[in-house]
C-alpha atoms as a PDB file:
ATOM      1  CA  MET A   1     164.343  68.794 -54.111  1.00  0.00           C
ATOM      2  CA  ARG A   2     164.059  67.736 -57.736  1.00  0.00           C
ATOM      3  CA  ILE A   3     165.617  69.745 -60.527  1.00  0.00           C
ATOM      4  CA  ARG A   4     163.117  70.589 -63.202  1.00  0.00           C
ATOM      5  CA  ALA A   5     163.933  69.971 -66.852  1.00  0.00           C
ATOM      6  CA  LYS A   6     163.696  73.686 -67.652  1.00  0.00           C
ATOM      7  CA  ARG A   7     166.329  74.522 -65.029  1.00  0.00           C
ATOM      8  CA  PHE A   8     168.721  71.683 -65.823  1.00  0.00           C
ATOM      9  CA  ASP A   9     171.699  72.663 -67.996  1.00  0.00           C
ATOM     10  CA  TYR A  10     171.770  69.998 -70.719  1.00  0.00           C
ATOM     11  CA  ASP A  11     174.419  71.947 -72.651  1.00  0.00           C
ATOM     12  CA  SER A  12     176.974  71.326 -69.896  1.00  0.00           C
ATOM     13  CA  LEU A  13     176.772  67.557 -70.481  1.00  0.00           C
ATOM     14  CA  PRO A  14     179.291  65.764 -72.724  1.00  0.00           C
ATOM     15  CA  LEU A  15     176.702  65.293 -75.487  1.00  0.00           C
ATOM     16  CA  ALA A  16     179.215  63.680 -77.871  1.00  0.00           C
ATOM     17  CA  GLU A  17     179.856  61.016 -75.225  1.00  0.00           C
ATOM     18  CA  VAL A  18     176.112  60.604 -74.681  1.00  0.00           C
ATOM     19  CA  ALA A  19     175.580  60.132 -78.435  1.00  0.00           C
ATOM     20  CA  GLU A  20     178.372  57.552 -78.593  1.00  0.00           C
ATOM     21  CA  ARG A  21     176.925  55.579 -75.677  1.00  0.00           C
ATOM     22  CA  TYR A  22     173.493  55.707 -77.342  1.00  0.00           C
ATOM     23  CA  ARG A  23     175.025  54.331 -80.573  1.00  0.00           C
ATOM     24  CA  LYS A  24     176.439  51.438 -78.544  1.00  0.00           C
ATOM     25  CA  GLY A  25     172.953  50.505 -77.315  1.00  0.00           C
ATOM     26  CA  THR A  26     172.380  52.382 -74.047  1.00  0.00           C
ATOM     27  CA  SER A  27     168.801  53.650 -73.695  1.00  0.00           C
ATOM     28  CA  TRP A  28     167.825  57.290 -73.265  1.00  0.00           C
ATOM     29  CA  ARG A  29     166.437  56.514 -69.807  1.00  0.00           C
ATOM     30  CA  GLU A  30     169.660  54.875 -68.695  1.00  0.00           C
ATOM     31  CA  LEU A  31     171.703  57.774 -70.069  1.00  0.00           C
ATOM     32  CA  ALA A  32     169.492  60.274 -68.247  1.00  0.00           C
ATOM     33  CA  ARG A  33     169.938  58.334 -65.013  1.00  0.00           C
ATOM     34  CA  VAL A  34     173.730  58.125 -65.407  1.00  0.00           C
ATOM     35  CA  TYR A  35     174.134  61.822 -66.170  1.00  0.00           C
ATOM     36  CA  GLY A  36     171.584  62.979 -63.592  1.00  0.00           C
ATOM     37  CA  CYS A  37     169.080  64.419 -66.068  1.00  0.00           C
ATOM     38  CA  PRO A  38     165.514  64.953 -64.863  1.00  0.00           C
ATOM     39  CA  ASP A  39     163.997  64.042 -68.259  1.00  0.00           C
ATOM     40  CA  HIS A  40     165.179  61.468 -70.800  1.00  0.00           C
ATOM     41  CA  LYS A  41     163.069  62.946 -73.606  1.00  0.00           C
ATOM     42  CA  THR A  42     164.696  66.365 -73.291  1.00  0.00           C
ATOM     43  CA  LEU A  43     168.118  64.704 -73.250  1.00  0.00           C
ATOM     44  CA  ALA A  44     167.232  62.833 -76.446  1.00  0.00           C
ATOM     45  CA  ALA A  45     166.013  66.031 -78.098  1.00  0.00           C
ATOM     46  CA  LYS A  46     169.218  67.897 -77.193  1.00  0.00           C
ATOM     47  CA  VAL A  47     171.437  65.109 -78.539  1.00  0.00           C
ATOM     48  CA  LYS A  48     169.379  64.742 -81.732  1.00  0.00           C
ATOM     49  CA  GLU A  49     169.536  68.515 -82.216  1.00  0.00           C
ATOM     50  CA  LEU A  50     173.336  68.477 -81.971  1.00  0.00           C
ATOM     51  CA  PHE A  51     173.749  65.253 -84.008  1.00  0.00           C
ATOM     52  CA  PRO A  52     170.991  65.271 -86.686  1.00  0.00           C
ATOM     53  CA  ASP A  53     172.519  62.213 -88.405  1.00  0.00           C
ATOM     54  CA  LEU A  54     172.114  60.068 -85.261  1.00  0.00           C
ATOM     55  CA  ALA A  55     170.104  56.947 -86.074  1.00  0.00           C
ATOM     56  CA  VAL A  56     167.327  56.796 -83.480  1.00  0.00           C
ATOM     57  CA  ARG A  57     166.037  53.343 -82.586  1.00  0.00           C
ATOM     58  CA  ASN A  58     162.387  52.406 -82.368  1.00  0.00           C
ATOM     59  CA  HIS A  59     161.142  50.275 -79.475  1.00  0.00           C
ATOM     60  CA  ALA A  60     161.865  46.907 -81.117  1.00  0.00           C
ATOM     61  CA  GLU A  61     165.385  47.938 -82.098  1.00  0.00           C
ATOM     62  CA  ALA A  62     166.003  49.258 -78.590  1.00  0.00           C
ATOM     63  CA  GLN A  63     164.907  45.923 -77.097  1.00  0.00           C
ATOM     64  CA  ARG A  64     167.219  44.004 -79.435  1.00  0.00           C
ATOM     65  CA  ALA A  65     170.126  46.290 -78.500  1.00  0.00           C
ATOM     66  CA  ARG A  66     169.390  45.816 -74.791  1.00  0.00           C
ATOM     67  CA  ARG A  67     169.212  42.022 -75.122  1.00  0.00           C
ATOM     68  CA  GLU A  68     172.445  41.963 -77.104  1.00  0.00           C
ATOM     69  CA  ARG A  69     174.188  44.167 -74.548  1.00  0.00           C
ATOM     70  CA  GLU A  70     172.941  42.008 -71.658  1.00  0.00           C
ATOM     71  CA  GLY A  71     173.716  38.767 -73.449  1.00  0.00           C
ATOM     72  CA  ALA A  72     170.117  37.570 -73.231  1.00  0.00           C
ATOM     73  CA  LYS A  73     168.954  34.838 -75.556  1.00  0.00           C
ATOM     74  CA  ALA A  74     166.806  35.681 -78.543  1.00  0.00           C
ATOM     75  CA  ARG A  75     163.113  34.988 -78.173  1.00  0.00           C
ATOM     76  CA  ARG A  76     162.006  31.539 -79.172  1.00  0.00           C
ATOM     77  CA  SER A  77     159.299  31.082 -81.748  1.00  0.00           C
ATOM     78  CA  ALA A  78     155.933  29.601 -80.773  1.00  0.00           C
ATOM     79  CA  GLY A  79     156.738  26.389 -82.666  1.00  0.00           C
ATOM     80  CA  GLU A  80     159.866  25.795 -80.619  1.00  0.00           C
ATOM     81  CA  LYS A  81     157.900  26.280 -77.410  1.00  0.00           C
ATOM     82  CA  ALA A  82     155.204  23.821 -78.520  1.00  0.00           C
ATOM     83  CA  ASN A  83     157.768  21.149 -79.367  1.00  0.00           C
ATOM     84  CA  SER A  84     159.520  21.484 -76.029  1.00  0.00           C
ATOM     85  CA  ARG A  85     156.347  21.120 -73.938  1.00  0.00           C
ATOM     86  CA  VAL A  86     155.258  17.796 -72.546  1.00  0.00           C
ATOM     87  CA  ASN A  87     151.727  16.750 -73.347  1.00  0.00           C
ATOM     88  CA  TRP A  88     150.373  16.118 -69.856  1.00  0.00           C
ATOM     89  CA  TRP A  89     147.085  14.626 -71.068  1.00  0.00           C
ATOM     90  CA  ARG A  90     148.717  11.651 -72.845  1.00  0.00           C
END
């Protein structure tokens, strides 16, 4: 049986810890999964309500934070890809 977002007690969560983990680059979805929340958007709203000065990332910033946390390489530009390809028709 799934717990609905309206019934889940978000106020019982350590929201200061959640905010700190978000500042370090963890996504709202990952935080919701870790803390057992049924809805990541409600979790984000509760944390932003408690910490209005929290800098919220947009999608591109979130991707950069995830790649940095995972140690993934930065994306290569199209020019670098073209130079590394072999011209098969020559």
